[in-house]
Amino acid sequence: MRAFLEPYPLSSTRSSFAPPFADYVEDVVLPADTLVRVPIPAGARFALFSFDGSFRAKPGVAATTFALPTATTGDGSGSELEPAARRIPPFLADGTTAPTHLCLRAPAACKGSLAFYR
């Protein structure tokens, strides 16, 4: 898996604004309002999301669930709307569980890709 952050001199010029093409990419098809869990590959530290429709994402484990929002949350338990690029956290919100999956859900069917980097 390629590194997202490159060593000098590539990290010191305009090329640092555009990562290299990923060599680990998952194609993802999201059916309407269906939770899809994509396993995080070993060693991945960054994920870049690209979809042709609206979607929500949340890091989690094989048992993580979430629904599309129907009301405002006040406890931090929501999912993120259309992230573009994210660092994969070492632990989930509980502070002890390592994420193993990226959990995705879309209100309407859409397709996209997840590019992973170390």
PDB file of N, CA and C in Angstrom:
ATOM      1  N   MET A   1       0.844  -1.166   0.000  1.00  0.00           N
ATOM      2  CA  MET A   1       0.000   0.000   0.000  1.00  0.00           C
ATOM      3  C   MET A   1       0.895   1.236   0.000  1.00  0.00           C
ATOM      4  N   ARG A   2       0.569   2.189  -0.843  1.00  0.00           N
ATOM      5  CA  ARG A   2       1.370   3.419  -0.944  1.00  0.00           C
ATOM      6  C   ARG A   2       1.155   4.319   0.271  1.00  0.00           C
ATOM      7  N   ALA A   3       2.159   5.128   0.541  1.00  0.00           N
ATOM      8  CA  ALA A   3       2.068   6.109   1.623  1.00  0.00           C
ATOM      9  C   ALA A   3       1.298   7.330   1.144  1.00  0.00           C
ATOM     10  N   PHE A   4       0.471   7.893   2.000  1.00  0.00           N
ATOM     11  CA  PHE A   4      -0.254   9.122   1.681  1.00  0.00           C
ATOM     12  C   PHE A   4       0.664  10.328   1.827  1.00  0.00           C
ATOM     13  N   LEU A   5       1.477  10.325   2.859  1.00  0.00           N
ATOM     14  CA  LEU A   5       2.430  11.400   3.100  1.00  0.00           C
ATOM     15  C   LEU A   5       3.781  10.958   2.574  1.00  0.00           C
ATOM     16  N   GLU A   6       4.310  11.690   1.613  1.00  0.00           N
ATOM     17  CA  GLU A   6       5.563  11.298   0.984  1.00  0.00           C
ATOM     18  C   GLU A   6       6.743  12.022   1.625  1.00  0.00           C
ATOM     19  N   PRO A   7       7.911  11.397   1.558  1.00  0.00           N
ATOM     20  CA  PRO A   7       9.099  12.038   2.140  1.00  0.00           C
ATOM     21  C   PRO A   7       9.581  13.212   1.280  1.00  0.00           C
ATOM     22  N   TYR A   8      10.399  14.044   1.868  1.00  0.00           N
ATOM     23  CA  TYR A   8      11.031  15.156   1.169  1.00  0.00           C
ATOM     24  C   TYR A   8      11.815  14.608  -0.014  1.00  0.00           C
ATOM     25  N   PRO A   9      11.854  15.199  -1.170  1.00  0.00           N
ATOM     26  CA  PRO A   9      11.383  16.540  -1.522  1.00  0.00           C
ATOM     27  C   PRO A   9       9.937  16.582  -2.013  1.00  0.00           C
ATOM     28  N   LEU A  10       9.262  15.430  -2.205  1.00  0.00           N
ATOM     29  CA  LEU A  10       7.896  15.451  -2.723  1.00  0.00           C
ATOM     30  C   LEU A  10       6.923  16.129  -1.775  1.00  0.00           C
ATOM     31  N   SER A  11       7.225  16.143  -0.491  1.00  0.00           N
ATOM     32  CA  SER A  11       6.326  16.745   0.489  1.00  0.00           C
ATOM     33  C   SER A  11       6.499  18.249   0.603  1.00  0.00           C
ATOM     34  N   SER A  12       7.444  18.827  -0.118  1.00  0.00           N
ATOM     35  CA  SER A  12       7.728  20.251   0.072  1.00  0.00           C
ATOM     36  C   SER A  12       7.285  21.122  -1.106  1.00  0.00           C
ATOM     37  N   THR A  13       6.634  20.551  -2.094  1.00  0.00           N
ATOM     38  CA  THR A  13       6.226  21.324  -3.276  1.00  0.00           C
ATOM     39  C   THR A  13       4.738  21.149  -3.513  1.00  0.00           C
ATOM     40  N   ARG A  14       4.279  21.687  -4.617  1.00  0.00           N
ATOM     41  CA  ARG A  14       2.862  21.564  -4.953  1.00  0.00           C
ATOM     42  C   ARG A  14       2.417  20.113  -5.084  1.00  0.00           C
ATOM     43  N   SER A  15       3.327  19.205  -5.356  1.00  0.00           N
ATOM     44  CA  SER A  15       2.930  17.796  -5.465  1.00  0.00           C
ATOM     45  C   SER A  15       2.403  17.252  -4.141  1.00  0.00           C
ATOM     46  N   SER A  16       2.717  17.916  -3.035  1.00  0.00           N
ATOM     47  CA  SER A  16       2.220  17.453  -1.739  1.00  0.00           C
ATOM     48  C   SER A  16       0.716  17.679  -1.601  1.00  0.00           C
ATOM     49  N   PHE A  17       0.121  18.500  -2.492  1.00  0.00           N
ATOM     50  CA  PHE A  17      -1.323  18.728  -2.441  1.00  0.00           C
ATOM     51  C   PHE A  17      -2.110  17.621  -3.124  1.00  0.00           C
ATOM     52  N   ALA A  18      -1.449  16.775  -3.884  1.00  0.00           N
ATOM     53  CA  ALA A  18      -2.124  15.688  -4.583  1.00  0.00           C
ATOM     54  C   ALA A  18      -1.392  14.383  -4.300  1.00  0.00           C
ATOM     55  N   PRO A  19      -2.039  13.465  -3.602  1.00  0.00           N
ATOM     56  CA  PRO A  19      -1.375  12.189  -3.315  1.00  0.00           C
ATOM     57  C   PRO A  19      -1.221  11.370  -4.590  1.00  0.00           C
ATOM     58  N   PRO A  20      -0.320  10.410  -4.599  1.00  0.00           N
ATOM     59  CA  PRO A  20      -0.187   9.538  -5.762  1.00  0.00           C
ATOM     60  C   PRO A  20      -1.425   8.649  -5.874  1.00  0.00           C
ATOM     61  N   PHE A  21      -1.641   8.075  -7.051  1.00  0.00           N
ATOM     62  CA  PHE A  21      -2.731   7.114  -7.198  1.00  0.00           C
ATOM     63  C   PHE A  21      -2.538   5.987  -6.195  1.00  0.00           C
ATOM     64  N   ALA A  22      -3.612   5.577  -5.569  1.00  0.00           N
ATOM     65  CA  ALA A  22      -3.556   4.486  -4.592  1.00  0.00           C
ATOM     66  C   ALA A  22      -3.345   3.160  -5.312  1.00  0.00           C
ATOM     67  N   ASP A  23      -2.643   2.261  -4.671  1.00  0.00           N
ATOM     68  CA  ASP A  23      -2.502   0.916  -5.222  1.00  0.00           C
ATOM     69  C   ASP A  23      -3.416  -0.073  -4.505  1.00  0.00           C
ATOM     70  N   TYR A  24      -4.273   0.435  -3.606  1.00  0.00           N
ATOM     71  CA  TYR A  24      -5.271  -0.391  -2.926  1.00  0.00           C
ATOM     72  C   TYR A  24      -6.588   0.378  -2.958  1.00  0.00           C
ATOM     73  N   VAL A  25      -7.483  -0.013  -3.857  1.00  0.00           N
ATOM     74  CA  VAL A  25      -8.758   0.675  -4.047  1.00  0.00           C
ATOM     75  C   VAL A  25      -9.887  -0.348  -3.999  1.00  0.00           C
ATOM     76  N   GLU A  26     -10.926  -0.041  -3.247  1.00  0.00           N
ATOM     77  CA  GLU A  26     -12.120  -0.879  -3.210  1.00  0.00           C
ATOM     78  C   GLU A  26     -13.245  -0.174  -3.963  1.00  0.00           C
ATOM     79  N   ASP A  27     -13.832  -0.842  -4.953  1.00  0.00           N
ATOM     80  CA  ASP A  27     -15.049  -0.351  -5.587  1.00  0.00           C
ATOM     81  C   ASP A  27     -16.206  -0.698  -4.664  1.00  0.00           C
ATOM     82  N   VAL A  28     -17.133   0.246  -4.493  1.00  0.00           N
ATOM     83  CA  VAL A  28     -18.235   0.045  -3.554  1.00  0.00           C
ATOM     84  C   VAL A  28     -19.548   0.414  -4.243  1.00  0.00           C
ATOM     85  N   VAL A  29     -20.525  -0.479  -4.140  1.00  0.00           N
ATOM     86  CA  VAL A  29     -21.879  -0.226  -4.616  1.00  0.00           C
ATOM     87  C   VAL A  29     -22.779  -0.146  -3.382  1.00  0.00           C
ATOM     88  N   LEU A  30     -23.425   0.999  -3.214  1.00  0.00           N
ATOM     89  CA  LEU A  30     -24.307   1.209  -2.064  1.00  0.00           C
ATOM     90  C   LEU A  30     -25.764   1.130  -2.518  1.00  0.00           C
ATOM     91  N   PRO A  31     -26.493   0.089  -2.122  1.00  0.00           N
ATOM     92  CA  PRO A  31     -27.934   0.066  -2.390  1.00  0.00           C
ATOM     93  C   PRO A  31     -28.614   1.131  -1.534  1.00  0.00           C
ATOM     94  N   ALA A  32     -29.783   1.542  -1.915  1.00  0.00           N
ATOM     95  CA  ALA A  32     -30.513   2.573  -1.169  1.00  0.00           C
ATOM     96  C   ALA A  32     -30.765   2.136   0.268  1.00  0.00           C
ATOM     97  N   ASP A  33     -30.420   3.013   1.204  1.00  0.00           N
ATOM     98  CA  ASP A  33     -30.659   2.838   2.637  1.00  0.00           C
ATOM     99  C   ASP A  33     -30.278   1.449   3.168  1.00  0.00           C
ATOM    100  N   THR A  34     -29.115   0.975   2.739  1.00  0.00           N
ATOM    101  CA  THR A  34     -28.589  -0.310   3.199  1.00  0.00           C
ATOM    102  C   THR A  34     -27.181  -0.101   3.729  1.00  0.00           C
ATOM    103  N   LEU A  35     -26.921  -0.548   4.931  1.00  0.00           N
ATOM    104  CA  LEU A  35     -25.598  -0.402   5.529  1.00  0.00           C
ATOM    105  C   LEU A  35     -24.607  -1.343   4.854  1.00  0.00           C
ATOM    106  N   VAL A  36     -23.482  -0.797   4.419  1.00  0.00           N
ATOM    107  CA  VAL A  36     -22.403  -1.591   3.819  1.00  0.00           C
ATOM    108  C   VAL A  36     -21.155  -1.358   4.657  1.00  0.00           C
ATOM    109  N   ARG A  37     -20.514  -2.443   5.073  1.00  0.00           N
ATOM    110  CA  ARG A  37     -19.278  -2.349   5.861  1.00  0.00           C
ATOM    111  C   ARG A  37     -18.119  -2.795   4.991  1.00  0.00           C
ATOM    112  N   VAL A  38     -17.146  -1.905   4.803  1.00  0.00           N
ATOM    113  CA  VAL A  38     -15.966  -2.209   3.996  1.00  0.00           C
ATOM    114  C   VAL A  38     -14.801  -2.446   4.956  1.00  0.00           C
ATOM    115  N   PRO A  39     -14.184  -3.620   4.916  1.00  0.00           N
ATOM    116  CA  PRO A  39     -13.045  -3.883   5.804  1.00  0.00           C
ATOM    117  C   PRO A  39     -11.896  -2.904   5.532  1.00  0.00           C
ATOM    118  N   ILE A  40     -11.280  -2.444   6.603  1.00  0.00           N
ATOM    119  CA  ILE A  40     -10.104  -1.581   6.484  1.00  0.00           C
ATOM    120  C   ILE A  40      -8.893  -2.492   6.308  1.00  0.00           C
ATOM    121  N   PRO A  41      -8.129  -2.318   5.234  1.00  0.00           N
ATOM    122  CA  PRO A  41      -6.966  -3.191   5.035  1.00  0.00           C
ATOM    123  C   PRO A  41      -5.897  -2.971   6.111  1.00  0.00           C
ATOM    124  N   ALA A  42      -5.154  -4.020   6.417  1.00  0.00           N
ATOM    125  CA  ALA A  42      -4.078  -3.937   7.406  1.00  0.00           C
ATOM    126  C   ALA A  42      -3.087  -2.845   7.003  1.00  0.00           C
ATOM    127  N   GLY A  43      -2.729  -2.017   7.939  1.00  0.00           N
ATOM    128  CA  GLY A  43      -1.742  -0.966   7.707  1.00  0.00           C
ATOM    129  C   GLY A  43      -2.307   0.324   7.146  1.00  0.00           C
ATOM    130  N   ALA A  44      -3.583   0.353   6.791  1.00  0.00           N
ATOM    131  CA  ALA A  44      -4.166   1.575   6.221  1.00  0.00           C
ATOM    132  C   ALA A  44      -4.295   2.650   7.299  1.00  0.00           C
ATOM    133  N   ARG A  45      -3.902   3.874   6.951  1.00  0.00           N
ATOM    134  CA  ARG A  45      -4.003   5.008   7.869  1.00  0.00           C
ATOM    135  C   ARG A  45      -4.904   6.114   7.329  1.00  0.00           C
ATOM    136  N   PHE A  46      -5.127   6.093   5.994  1.00  0.00           N
ATOM    137  CA  PHE A  46      -5.930   7.131   5.346  1.00  0.00           C
ATOM    138  C   PHE A  46      -6.900   6.486   4.370  1.00  0.00           C
ATOM    139  N   ALA A  47      -8.085   7.084   4.229  1.00  0.00           N
ATOM    140  CA  ALA A  47      -9.059   6.640   3.238  1.00  0.00           C
ATOM    141  C   ALA A  47      -9.559   7.862   2.470  1.00  0.00           C
ATOM    142  N   LEU A  48      -9.613   7.738   1.149  1.00  0.00           N
ATOM    143  CA  LEU A  48     -10.160   8.782   0.295  1.00  0.00           C
ATOM    144  C   LEU A  48     -11.445   8.244  -0.312  1.00  0.00           C
ATOM    145  N   PHE A  49     -12.522   9.000  -0.168  1.00  0.00           N
ATOM    146  CA  PHE A  49     -13.850   8.601  -0.602  1.00  0.00           C
ATOM    147  C   PHE A  49     -14.210   9.331  -1.891  1.00  0.00           C
ATOM    148  N   SER A  50     -14.817   8.629  -2.834  1.00  0.00           N
ATOM    149  CA  SER A  50     -15.325   9.261  -4.047  1.00  0.00           C
ATOM    150  C   SER A  50     -16.572   8.504  -4.485  1.00  0.00           C
ATOM    151  N   PHE A  51     -17.732   9.177  -4.474  1.00  0.00           N
ATOM    152  CA  PHE A  51     -19.004   8.552  -4.812  1.00  0.00           C
ATOM    153  C   PHE A  51     -19.799   9.450  -5.750  1.00  0.00           C
ATOM    154  N   ASP A  52     -20.671   8.835  -6.551  1.00  0.00           N
ATOM    155  CA  ASP A  52     -21.479   9.607  -7.483  1.00  0.00           C
ATOM    156  C   ASP A  52     -22.829  10.019  -6.899  1.00  0.00           C
ATOM    157  N   GLY A  53     -22.993   9.876  -5.603  1.00  0.00           N
ATOM    158  CA  GLY A  53     -24.215  10.285  -4.922  1.00  0.00           C
ATOM    159  C   GLY A  53     -23.930  10.588  -3.464  1.00  0.00           C
ATOM    160  N   SER A  54     -24.937  11.055  -2.786  1.00  0.00           N
ATOM    161  CA  SER A  54     -24.807  11.392  -1.373  1.00  0.00           C
ATOM    162  C   SER A  54     -24.680  10.117  -0.541  1.00  0.00           C
ATOM    163  N   PHE A  55     -23.818  10.148   0.482  1.00  0.00           N
ATOM    164  CA  PHE A  55     -23.628   9.001   1.370  1.00  0.00           C
ATOM    165  C   PHE A  55     -23.180   9.486   2.732  1.00  0.00           C
ATOM    166  N   ARG A  56     -23.266   8.604   3.705  1.00  0.00           N
ATOM    167  CA  ARG A  56     -22.783   8.890   5.050  1.00  0.00           C
ATOM    168  C   ARG A  56     -21.783   7.817   5.429  1.00  0.00           C
ATOM    169  N   ALA A  57     -20.815   8.168   6.289  1.00  0.00           N
ATOM    170  CA  ALA A  57     -19.748   7.232   6.662  1.00  0.00           C
ATOM    171  C   ALA A  57     -19.454   7.340   8.146  1.00  0.00           C
ATOM    172  N   LYS A  58     -18.976   6.209   8.679  1.00  0.00           N
ATOM    173  CA  LYS A  58     -18.601   6.156  10.089  1.00  0.00           C
ATOM    174  C   LYS A  58     -17.609   5.010  10.270  1.00  0.00           C
ATOM    175  N   PRO A  59     -16.486   5.229  10.956  1.00  0.00           N
ATOM    176  CA  PRO A  59     -15.595   4.104  11.242  1.00  0.00           C
ATOM    177  C   PRO A  59     -16.242   3.213  12.295  1.00  0.00           C
ATOM    178  N   GLY A  60     -15.967   1.914  12.197  1.00  0.00           N
ATOM    179  CA  GLY A  60     -16.554   1.006  13.172  1.00  0.00           C
ATOM    180  C   GLY A  60     -15.953  -0.382  13.099  1.00  0.00           C
ATOM    181  N   VAL A  61     -16.737  -1.354  13.509  1.00  0.00           N
ATOM    182  CA  VAL A  61     -16.343  -2.768  13.498  1.00  0.00           C
ATOM    183  C   VAL A  61     -17.422  -3.541  12.733  1.00  0.00           C
ATOM    184  N   ALA A  62     -17.252  -4.854  12.645  1.00  0.00           N
ATOM    185  CA  ALA A  62     -18.190  -5.680  11.872  1.00  0.00           C
ATOM    186  C   ALA A  62     -19.625  -5.598  12.391  1.00  0.00           C
ATOM    187  N   ALA A  63     -19.809  -5.220  13.646  1.00  0.00           N
ATOM    188  CA  ALA A  63     -21.154  -5.149  14.223  1.00  0.00           C
ATOM    189  C   ALA A  63     -21.715  -3.726  14.272  1.00  0.00           C
ATOM    190  N   THR A  64     -20.968  -2.729  13.835  1.00  0.00           N
ATOM    191  CA  THR A  64     -21.423  -1.335  13.898  1.00  0.00           C
ATOM    192  C   THR A  64     -22.646  -1.143  13.003  1.00  0.00           C
ATOM    193  N   THR A  65     -23.631  -0.443  13.531  1.00  0.00           N
ATOM    194  CA  THR A  65     -24.810  -0.093  12.745  1.00  0.00           C
ATOM    195  C   THR A  65     -25.089   1.391  12.906  1.00  0.00           C
ATOM    196  N   PHE A  66     -25.737   1.955  11.926  1.00  0.00           N
ATOM    197  CA  PHE A  66     -26.289   3.298  12.038  1.00  0.00           C
ATOM    198  C   PHE A  66     -27.352   3.461  10.962  1.00  0.00           C
ATOM    199  N   ALA A  67     -28.301   4.324  11.236  1.00  0.00           N
ATOM    200  CA  ALA A  67     -29.376   4.607  10.298  1.00  0.00           C
ATOM    201  C   ALA A  67     -29.171   6.001   9.722  1.00  0.00           C
ATOM    202  N   LEU A  68     -29.809   6.256   8.608  1.00  0.00           N
ATOM    203  CA  LEU A  68     -29.794   7.612   8.074  1.00  0.00           C
ATOM    204  C   LEU A  68     -30.519   8.506   9.077  1.00  0.00           C
ATOM    205  N   PRO A  69     -30.040   9.720   9.279  1.00  0.00           N
ATOM    206  CA  PRO A  69     -30.631  10.563  10.315  1.00  0.00           C
ATOM    207  C   PRO A  69     -32.069  10.973   9.984  1.00  0.00           C
ATOM    208  N   THR A  70     -32.886  10.955  11.014  1.00  0.00           N
ATOM    209  CA  THR A  70     -34.260  11.461  10.907  1.00  0.00           C
ATOM    210  C   THR A  70     -34.510  12.562  11.929  1.00  0.00           C
ATOM    211  N   ALA A  71     -33.511  12.798  12.798  1.00  0.00           N
ATOM    212  CA  ALA A  71     -33.613  13.825  13.827  1.00  0.00           C
ATOM    213  C   ALA A  71     -32.211  14.297  14.190  1.00  0.00           C
ATOM    214  N   THR A  72     -32.124  15.403  14.856  1.00  0.00           N
ATOM    215  CA  THR A  72     -30.851  15.952  15.302  1.00  0.00           C
ATOM    216  C   THR A  72     -30.328  15.155  16.486  1.00  0.00           C
ATOM    217  N   THR A  73     -29.005  14.833  16.444  1.00  0.00           N
ATOM    218  CA  THR A  73     -28.403  14.163  17.601  1.00  0.00           C
ATOM    219  C   THR A  73     -27.786  15.206  18.520  1.00  0.00           C
ATOM    220  N   GLY A  74     -27.606  14.830  19.749  1.00  0.00           N
ATOM    221  CA  GLY A  74     -26.974  15.730  20.710  1.00  0.00           C
ATOM    222  C   GLY A  74     -25.921  15.020  21.529  1.00  0.00           C
ATOM    223  N   ASP A  75     -25.516  13.832  21.072  1.00  0.00           N
ATOM    224  CA  ASP A  75     -24.567  13.041  21.856  1.00  0.00           C
ATOM    225  C   ASP A  75     -23.315  12.628  21.071  1.00  0.00           C
ATOM    226  N   GLY A  76     -23.126  13.164  19.872  1.00  0.00           N
ATOM    227  CA  GLY A  76     -21.933  12.857  19.084  1.00  0.00           C
ATOM    228  C   GLY A  76     -21.984  11.527  18.361  1.00  0.00           C
ATOM    229  N   SER A  77     -23.128  10.875  18.316  1.00  0.00           N
ATOM    230  CA  SER A  77     -23.218   9.537  17.733  1.00  0.00           C
ATOM    231  C   SER A  77     -23.539   9.521  16.240  1.00  0.00           C
ATOM    232  N   GLY A  78     -23.600  10.678  15.601  1.00  0.00           N
ATOM    233  CA  GLY A  78     -23.981  10.751  14.194  1.00  0.00           C
ATOM    234  C   GLY A  78     -22.913  10.201  13.256  1.00  0.00           C
ATOM    235  N   SER A  79     -23.296  10.097  11.997  1.00  0.00           N
ATOM    236  CA  SER A  79     -22.370   9.690  10.940  1.00  0.00           C
ATOM    237  C   SER A  79     -21.995  10.928  10.129  1.00  0.00           C
ATOM    238  N   GLU A  80     -20.919  10.820   9.368  1.00  0.00           N
ATOM    239  CA  GLU A  80     -20.417  11.981   8.637  1.00  0.00           C
ATOM    240  C   GLU A  80     -20.934  11.986   7.201  1.00  0.00           C
ATOM    241  N   LEU A  81     -21.438  13.133   6.756  1.00  0.00           N
ATOM    242  CA  LEU A  81     -21.968  13.287   5.412  1.00  0.00           C
ATOM    243  C   LEU A  81     -20.838  13.555   4.416  1.00  0.00           C
ATOM    244  N   GLU A  82     -20.699  12.668   3.458  1.00  0.00           N
ATOM    245  CA  GLU A  82     -19.794  12.816   2.321  1.00  0.00           C
ATOM    246  C   GLU A  82     -18.362  13.267   2.666  1.00  0.00           C
ATOM    247  N   PRO A  83     -17.664  12.536   3.515  1.00  0.00           N
ATOM    248  CA  PRO A  83     -16.267  12.903   3.751  1.00  0.00           C
ATOM    249  C   PRO A  83     -15.467  12.708   2.460  1.00  0.00           C
ATOM    250  N   ALA A  84     -14.440  13.491   2.281  1.00  0.00           N
ATOM    251  CA  ALA A  84     -13.595  13.356   1.086  1.00  0.00           C
ATOM    252  C   ALA A  84     -12.356  12.533   1.402  1.00  0.00           C
ATOM    253  N   ALA A  85     -11.682  12.870   2.465  1.00  0.00           N
ATOM    254  CA  ALA A  85     -10.477  12.151   2.885  1.00  0.00           C
ATOM    255  C   ALA A  85     -10.421  12.187   4.407  1.00  0.00           C
ATOM    256  N   ARG A  86     -10.081  11.059   4.994  1.00  0.00           N
ATOM    257  CA  ARG A  86     -10.000  10.994   6.452  1.00  0.00           C
ATOM    258  C   ARG A  86      -8.853  10.106   6.893  1.00  0.00           C
ATOM    259  N   ARG A  87      -8.228  10.485   8.033  1.00  0.00           N
ATOM    260  CA  ARG A  87      -7.284   9.592   8.709  1.00  0.00           C
ATOM    261  C   ARG A  87      -8.113   8.540   9.428  1.00  0.00           C
ATOM    262  N   ILE A  88      -7.682   7.325   9.380  1.00  0.00           N
ATOM    263  CA  ILE A  88      -8.359   6.264  10.108  1.00  0.00           C
ATOM    264  C   ILE A  88      -7.879   6.336  11.551  1.00  0.00           C
ATOM    265  N   PRO A  89      -8.798   6.525  12.498  1.00  0.00           N
ATOM    266  CA  PRO A  89      -8.360   6.704  13.890  1.00  0.00           C
ATOM    267  C   PRO A  89      -7.826   5.402  14.471  1.00  0.00           C
ATOM    268  N   PRO A  90      -6.890   5.490  15.409  1.00  0.00           N
ATOM    269  CA  PRO A  90      -6.386   4.267  16.039  1.00  0.00           C
ATOM    270  C   PRO A  90      -7.448   3.598  16.907  1.00  0.00           C
ATOM    271  N   PHE A  91      -8.389   4.393  17.449  1.00  0.00           N
ATOM    272  CA  PHE A  91      -9.442   3.859  18.308  1.00  0.00           C
ATOM    273  C   PHE A  91     -10.752   4.561  18.005  1.00  0.00           C
ATOM    274  N   LEU A  92     -11.850   3.861  18.256  1.00  0.00           N
ATOM    275  CA  LEU A  92     -13.175   4.450  18.134  1.00  0.00           C
ATOM    276  C   LEU A  92     -13.446   5.353  19.333  1.00  0.00           C
ATOM    277  N   ALA A  93     -14.631   5.921  19.395  1.00  0.00           N
ATOM    278  CA  ALA A  93     -14.965   6.884  20.450  1.00  0.00           C
ATOM    279  C   ALA A  93     -14.840   6.314  21.857  1.00  0.00           C
ATOM    280  N   ASP A  94     -14.934   4.987  22.002  1.00  0.00           N
ATOM    281  CA  ASP A  94     -14.803   4.401  23.345  1.00  0.00           C
ATOM    282  C   ASP A  94     -13.372   4.426  23.868  1.00  0.00           C
ATOM    283  N   GLY A  95     -12.401   4.752  22.994  1.00  0.00           N
ATOM    284  CA  GLY A  95     -11.007   4.881  23.405  1.00  0.00           C
ATOM    285  C   GLY A  95     -10.233   3.578  23.494  1.00  0.00           C
ATOM    286  N   THR A  96     -10.865   2.435  23.241  1.00  0.00           N
ATOM    287  CA  THR A  96     -10.164   1.157  23.352  1.00  0.00           C
ATOM    288  C   THR A  96     -10.335   0.250  22.129  1.00  0.00           C
ATOM    289  N   THR A  97     -11.409   0.401  21.380  1.00  0.00           N
ATOM    290  CA  THR A  97     -11.703  -0.478  20.250  1.00  0.00           C
ATOM    291  C   THR A  97     -11.073   0.066  18.968  1.00  0.00           C
ATOM    292  N   ALA A  98     -10.262  -0.742  18.309  1.00  0.00           N
ATOM    293  CA  ALA A  98      -9.667  -0.345  17.030  1.00  0.00           C
ATOM    294  C   ALA A  98     -10.691  -0.541  15.915  1.00  0.00           C
ATOM    295  N   PRO A  99     -10.829   0.433  15.001  1.00  0.00           N
ATOM    296  CA  PRO A  99     -11.779   0.259  13.904  1.00  0.00           C
ATOM    297  C   PRO A  99     -11.296  -0.818  12.938  1.00  0.00           C
ATOM    298  N   THR A 100     -12.231  -1.602  12.429  1.00  0.00           N
ATOM    299  CA  THR A 100     -11.905  -2.649  11.454  1.00  0.00           C
ATOM    300  C   THR A 100     -12.637  -2.454  10.132  1.00  0.00           C
ATOM    301  N   HIS A 101     -13.651  -1.583  10.138  1.00  0.00           N
ATOM    302  CA  HIS A 101     -14.469  -1.366   8.946  1.00  0.00           C
ATOM    303  C   HIS A 101     -14.821   0.111   8.794  1.00  0.00           C
ATOM    304  N   LEU A 102     -15.062   0.519   7.563  1.00  0.00           N
ATOM    305  CA  LEU A 102     -15.708   1.797   7.294  1.00  0.00           C
ATOM    306  C   LEU A 102     -17.146   1.458   6.951  1.00  0.00           C
ATOM    307  N   CYS A 103     -18.069   2.033   7.688  1.00  0.00           N
ATOM    308  CA  CYS A 103     -19.484   1.733   7.532  1.00  0.00           C
ATOM    309  C   CYS A 103     -20.112   2.851   6.704  1.00  0.00           C
ATOM    310  N   LEU A 104     -20.825   2.467   5.657  1.00  0.00           N
ATOM    311  CA  LEU A 104     -21.364   3.422   4.687  1.00  0.00           C
ATOM    312  C   LEU A 104     -22.845   3.184   4.475  1.00  0.00           C
ATOM    313  N   ARG A 105     -23.586   4.273   4.237  1.00  0.00           N
ATOM    314  CA  ARG A 105     -25.014   4.170   3.933  1.00  0.00           C
ATOM    315  C   ARG A 105     -25.409   5.366   3.080  1.00  0.00           C
ATOM    316  N   ALA A 106     -26.259   5.130   2.102  1.00  0.00           N
ATOM    317  CA  ALA A 106     -26.698   6.190   1.195  1.00  0.00           C
ATOM    318  C   ALA A 106     -28.225   6.207   1.127  1.00  0.00           C
ATOM    319  N   PRO A 107     -28.828   7.393   1.015  1.00  0.00           N
ATOM    320  CA  PRO A 107     -30.290   7.452   0.908  1.00  0.00           C
ATOM    321  C   PRO A 107     -30.796   6.898  -0.425  1.00  0.00           C
ATOM    322  N   ALA A 108     -30.009   7.021  -1.478  1.00  0.00           N
ATOM    323  CA  ALA A 108     -30.341   6.481  -2.799  1.00  0.00           C
ATOM    324  C   ALA A 108     -29.155   5.660  -3.287  1.00  0.00           C
ATOM    325  N   ALA A 109     -29.411   4.679  -4.117  1.00  0.00           N
ATOM    326  CA  ALA A 109     -28.322   3.838  -4.619  1.00  0.00           C
ATOM    327  C   ALA A 109     -27.258   4.696  -5.298  1.00  0.00           C
ATOM    328  N   CYS A 110     -26.000   4.360  -5.038  1.00  0.00           N
ATOM    329  CA  CYS A 110     -24.891   5.067  -5.684  1.00  0.00           C
ATOM    330  C   CYS A 110     -23.668   4.142  -5.726  1.00  0.00           C
ATOM    331  N   LYS A 111     -22.678   4.576  -6.476  1.00  0.00           N
ATOM    332  CA  LYS A 111     -21.443   3.810  -6.621  1.00  0.00           C
ATOM    333  C   LYS A 111     -20.272   4.712  -6.322  1.00  0.00           C
ATOM    334  N   GLY A 112     -19.173   4.077  -5.897  1.00  0.00           N
ATOM    335  CA  GLY A 112     -17.996   4.879  -5.613  1.00  0.00           C
ATOM    336  C   GLY A 112     -16.791   4.029  -5.344  1.00  0.00           C
ATOM    337  N   SER A 113     -15.783   4.659  -4.768  1.00  0.00           N
ATOM    338  CA  SER A 113     -14.550   3.950  -4.458  1.00  0.00           C
ATOM    339  C   SER A 113     -13.962   4.479  -3.156  1.00  0.00           C
ATOM    340  N   LEU A 114     -13.210   3.596  -2.514  1.00  0.00           N
ATOM    341  CA  LEU A 114     -12.422   3.954  -1.342  1.00  0.00           C
ATOM    342  C   LEU A 114     -10.972   3.655  -1.674  1.00  0.00           C
ATOM    343  N   ALA A 115     -10.136   4.673  -1.652  1.00  0.00           N
ATOM    344  CA  ALA A 115      -8.712   4.510  -1.882  1.00  0.00           C
ATOM    345  C   ALA A 115      -8.024   4.536  -0.519  1.00  0.00           C
ATOM    346  N   PHE A 116      -7.236   3.519  -0.236  1.00  0.00           N
ATOM    347  CA  PHE A 116      -6.556   3.410   1.059  1.00  0.00           C
ATOM    348  C   PHE A 116      -5.070   3.681   0.904  1.00  0.00           C
ATOM    349  N   TYR A 117      -4.512   4.335   1.912  1.00  0.00           N
ATOM    350  CA  TYR A 117      -3.080   4.651   1.967  1.00  0.00           C
ATOM    351  C   TYR A 117      -2.556   4.320   3.358  1.00  0.00           C
ATOM    352  N   ARG A 118      -1.276   4.019   3.441  1.00  0.00           N
ATOM    353  CA  ARG A 118      -0.646   3.816   4.743  1.00  0.00           C
ATOM    354  C   ARG A 118      -0.048   5.113   5.227  1.00  0.00           C
TER     355      ARG A 118
END
